[in-house]
Amino acid sequence: MEDDFDDLVLDEDFIRGAETSEPSARARMLAARWRNEEPEPQPWRSDEPPAGWFFSKGRRRRWRRR
């Protein structure tokens, strides 16, 4: 008995040739959340470091050469 899928090769060309694509779970989650409540605008990049962790004194002390 021969299977219809015996000669099927699931390679990158097959995957990229798919006509439809499904959004990721994160994209679906965010779309559902934003349907109920729009997100607040956020700057793409901020001039300030995030929460001061990168430029903290403890971090500088650890990387100082002696």
N, C-alpha and C. Protein backbone atom coordinates (compact mmCIF):
# COMPACT_ATOMS: atom_id res chain seq x y z
N MET A 1 0.84 -1.18 0.00
CA MET A 1 0.00 0.00 0.00
C MET A 1 0.89 1.24 0.00
N GLU A 2 0.68 2.14 -0.94
CA GLU A 2 1.50 3.33 -1.08
C GLU A 2 0.79 4.53 -0.45
N ASP A 3 1.58 5.31 0.26
CA ASP A 3 1.05 6.50 0.92
C ASP A 3 1.24 7.70 -0.01
N ASP A 4 0.29 8.62 -0.02
CA ASP A 4 0.38 9.80 -0.87
C ASP A 4 1.52 10.73 -0.46
N PHE A 5 1.97 10.63 0.77
CA PHE A 5 2.99 11.54 1.29
C PHE A 5 4.39 10.92 1.31
N ASP A 6 4.61 9.79 0.68
CA ASP A 6 5.92 9.15 0.68
C ASP A 6 6.99 10.02 0.02
N ASP A 7 6.64 10.72 -1.05
CA ASP A 7 7.62 11.52 -1.77
C ASP A 7 7.66 12.97 -1.31
N LEU A 8 6.94 13.32 -0.28
CA LEU A 8 6.88 14.69 0.20
C LEU A 8 8.14 15.02 1.00
N VAL A 9 8.79 16.12 0.65
CA VAL A 9 9.98 16.58 1.35
C VAL A 9 9.63 17.88 2.05
N LEU A 10 9.76 17.89 3.37
CA LEU A 10 9.44 19.08 4.16
C LEU A 10 10.71 19.89 4.39
N ASP A 11 11.15 20.59 3.36
CA ASP A 11 12.36 21.39 3.48
C ASP A 11 11.98 22.88 3.53
N GLU A 12 13.01 23.73 3.50
CA GLU A 12 12.77 25.17 3.63
C GLU A 12 11.95 25.71 2.45
N ASP A 13 12.19 25.20 1.25
CA ASP A 13 11.42 25.65 0.09
C ASP A 13 9.93 25.33 0.27
N PHE A 14 9.63 24.17 0.83
CA PHE A 14 8.24 23.79 1.06
C PHE A 14 7.58 24.74 2.07
N ILE A 15 8.32 25.05 3.15
CA ILE A 15 7.78 25.91 4.20
C ILE A 15 7.58 27.33 3.69
N ARG A 16 8.59 27.87 2.99
CA ARG A 16 8.48 29.24 2.48
C ARG A 16 7.43 29.36 1.38
N GLY A 17 7.10 28.27 0.74
CA GLY A 17 6.10 28.29 -0.31
C GLY A 17 4.68 28.21 0.19
N ALA A 18 4.50 28.13 1.51
CA ALA A 18 3.15 28.06 2.08
C ALA A 18 2.39 29.35 1.76
N GLU A 19 1.12 29.21 1.44
CA GLU A 19 0.33 30.38 1.06
C GLU A 19 -0.19 31.16 2.25
N THR A 20 -0.33 30.54 3.38
CA THR A 20 -0.82 31.23 4.57
C THR A 20 0.20 31.08 5.69
N SER A 21 0.17 32.02 6.60
CA SER A 21 1.02 31.93 7.79
C SER A 21 0.18 32.31 9.00
N GLU A 22 0.48 31.69 10.12
CA GLU A 22 -0.27 31.93 11.35
C GLU A 22 0.56 32.84 12.24
N PRO A 23 -0.05 33.85 12.87
CA PRO A 23 0.72 34.71 13.77
C PRO A 23 1.19 33.93 15.00
N SER A 24 2.27 34.41 15.58
CA SER A 24 2.80 33.75 16.76
C SER A 24 1.84 33.87 17.94
N ALA A 25 2.07 33.08 18.96
CA ALA A 25 1.22 33.12 20.16
C ALA A 25 1.30 34.50 20.82
N ARG A 26 2.49 35.09 20.84
CA ARG A 26 2.63 36.42 21.44
C ARG A 26 1.84 37.46 20.65
N ALA A 27 1.91 37.38 19.32
CA ALA A 27 1.16 38.33 18.49
C ALA A 27 -0.34 38.18 18.71
N ARG A 28 -0.82 36.95 18.84
CA ARG A 28 -2.25 36.74 19.10
C ARG A 28 -2.63 37.28 20.47
N MET A 29 -1.77 37.07 21.47
CA MET A 29 -2.05 37.54 22.82
C MET A 29 -2.13 39.07 22.85
N LEU A 30 -1.14 39.73 22.20
CA LEU A 30 -1.13 41.19 22.21
C LEU A 30 -2.31 41.75 21.43
N ALA A 31 -2.67 41.12 20.32
CA ALA A 31 -3.83 41.60 19.55
C ALA A 31 -5.11 41.50 20.37
N ALA A 32 -5.27 40.42 21.11
CA ALA A 32 -6.46 40.27 21.95
C ALA A 32 -6.47 41.30 23.07
N ARG A 33 -5.31 41.56 23.67
CA ARG A 33 -5.22 42.53 24.76
C ARG A 33 -5.51 43.93 24.23
N TRP A 34 -4.95 44.28 23.06
CA TRP A 34 -5.11 45.62 22.52
C TRP A 34 -6.51 45.85 21.96
N ARG A 35 -7.25 44.79 21.67
CA ARG A 35 -8.63 44.95 21.23
C ARG A 35 -9.46 45.58 22.35
N ASN A 36 -9.19 45.18 23.58
CA ASN A 36 -9.93 45.69 24.73
C ASN A 36 -9.40 47.04 25.21
N GLU A 37 -8.10 47.21 25.17
CA GLU A 37 -7.48 48.42 25.71
C GLU A 37 -6.26 48.76 24.87
N GLU A 38 -6.24 49.97 24.29
CA GLU A 38 -5.11 50.36 23.45
C GLU A 38 -3.86 50.58 24.29
N PRO A 39 -2.70 50.21 23.76
CA PRO A 39 -1.46 50.43 24.53
C PRO A 39 -1.10 51.91 24.57
N GLU A 40 -0.40 52.31 25.62
CA GLU A 40 0.07 53.68 25.72
C GLU A 40 1.28 53.84 24.80
N PRO A 41 1.45 55.01 24.19
CA PRO A 41 2.61 55.20 23.32
C PRO A 41 3.91 55.10 24.10
N GLN A 42 4.87 54.42 23.53
CA GLN A 42 6.18 54.25 24.15
C GLN A 42 7.24 54.76 23.20
N PRO A 43 8.29 55.41 23.71
CA PRO A 43 9.37 55.83 22.82
C PRO A 43 10.12 54.60 22.30
N TRP A 44 10.58 54.67 21.06
CA TRP A 44 11.30 53.53 20.50
C TRP A 44 12.61 53.33 21.24
N ARG A 45 13.33 54.43 21.45
CA ARG A 45 14.55 54.39 22.26
C ARG A 45 14.50 55.57 23.21
N SER A 46 14.90 55.33 24.43
CA SER A 46 14.86 56.37 25.43
C SER A 46 16.28 56.87 25.68
N ASP A 47 16.40 58.16 26.01
CA ASP A 47 17.71 58.72 26.35
C ASP A 47 18.16 58.26 27.73
N GLU A 48 17.21 57.85 28.54
CA GLU A 48 17.55 57.43 29.90
C GLU A 48 17.77 55.93 29.94
N PRO A 49 18.72 55.45 30.75
CA PRO A 49 18.92 54.00 30.87
C PRO A 49 17.73 53.36 31.56
N PRO A 50 17.43 52.12 31.27
CA PRO A 50 16.27 51.46 31.88
C PRO A 50 16.48 51.22 33.37
N ALA A 51 15.72 51.91 34.18
CA ALA A 51 15.66 51.73 35.63
C ALA A 51 17.02 51.88 36.31
N GLY A 52 18.00 52.46 35.64
CA GLY A 52 19.29 52.72 36.26
C GLY A 52 20.16 51.52 36.50
N TRP A 53 19.80 50.34 36.04
CA TRP A 53 20.58 49.13 36.35
C TRP A 53 21.91 49.11 35.61
N PHE A 54 21.99 49.67 34.41
CA PHE A 54 23.20 49.54 33.61
C PHE A 54 24.32 50.43 34.14
N PHE A 55 23.96 51.59 34.66
CA PHE A 55 24.97 52.53 35.13
C PHE A 55 25.05 52.58 36.65
N SER A 56 24.63 51.53 37.30
CA SER A 56 24.64 51.53 38.76
C SER A 56 26.07 51.42 39.29
N LYS A 57 26.27 51.87 40.52
CA LYS A 57 27.60 51.83 41.12
C LYS A 57 28.10 50.41 41.32
N GLY A 58 27.20 49.50 41.67
CA GLY A 58 27.60 48.11 41.88
C GLY A 58 28.14 47.47 40.62
N ARG A 59 27.56 47.81 39.52
CA ARG A 59 28.03 47.26 38.25
C ARG A 59 29.39 47.84 37.87
N ARG A 60 29.58 49.13 38.11
CA ARG A 60 30.88 49.75 37.79
C ARG A 60 31.98 49.17 38.66
N ARG A 61 31.68 48.96 39.92
CA ARG A 61 32.68 48.47 40.85
C ARG A 61 33.18 47.09 40.42
N ARG A 62 32.26 46.27 39.91
CA ARG A 62 32.62 44.90 39.55
C ARG A 62 33.55 44.86 38.33
N TRP A 63 33.41 45.81 37.39
CA TRP A 63 34.18 45.77 36.16
C TRP A 63 35.49 46.57 36.22
N ARG A 64 35.76 47.24 37.34
CA ARG A 64 36.95 48.07 37.45
C ARG A 64 38.21 47.20 37.50
N ARG A 65 39.22 47.61 36.73
CA ARG A 65 40.51 46.91 36.78
C ARG A 65 41.31 47.35 37.98
N ARG A 66 42.10 46.44 38.49
CA ARG A 66 42.93 46.80 39.66
C ARG A 66 44.38 46.73 39.31
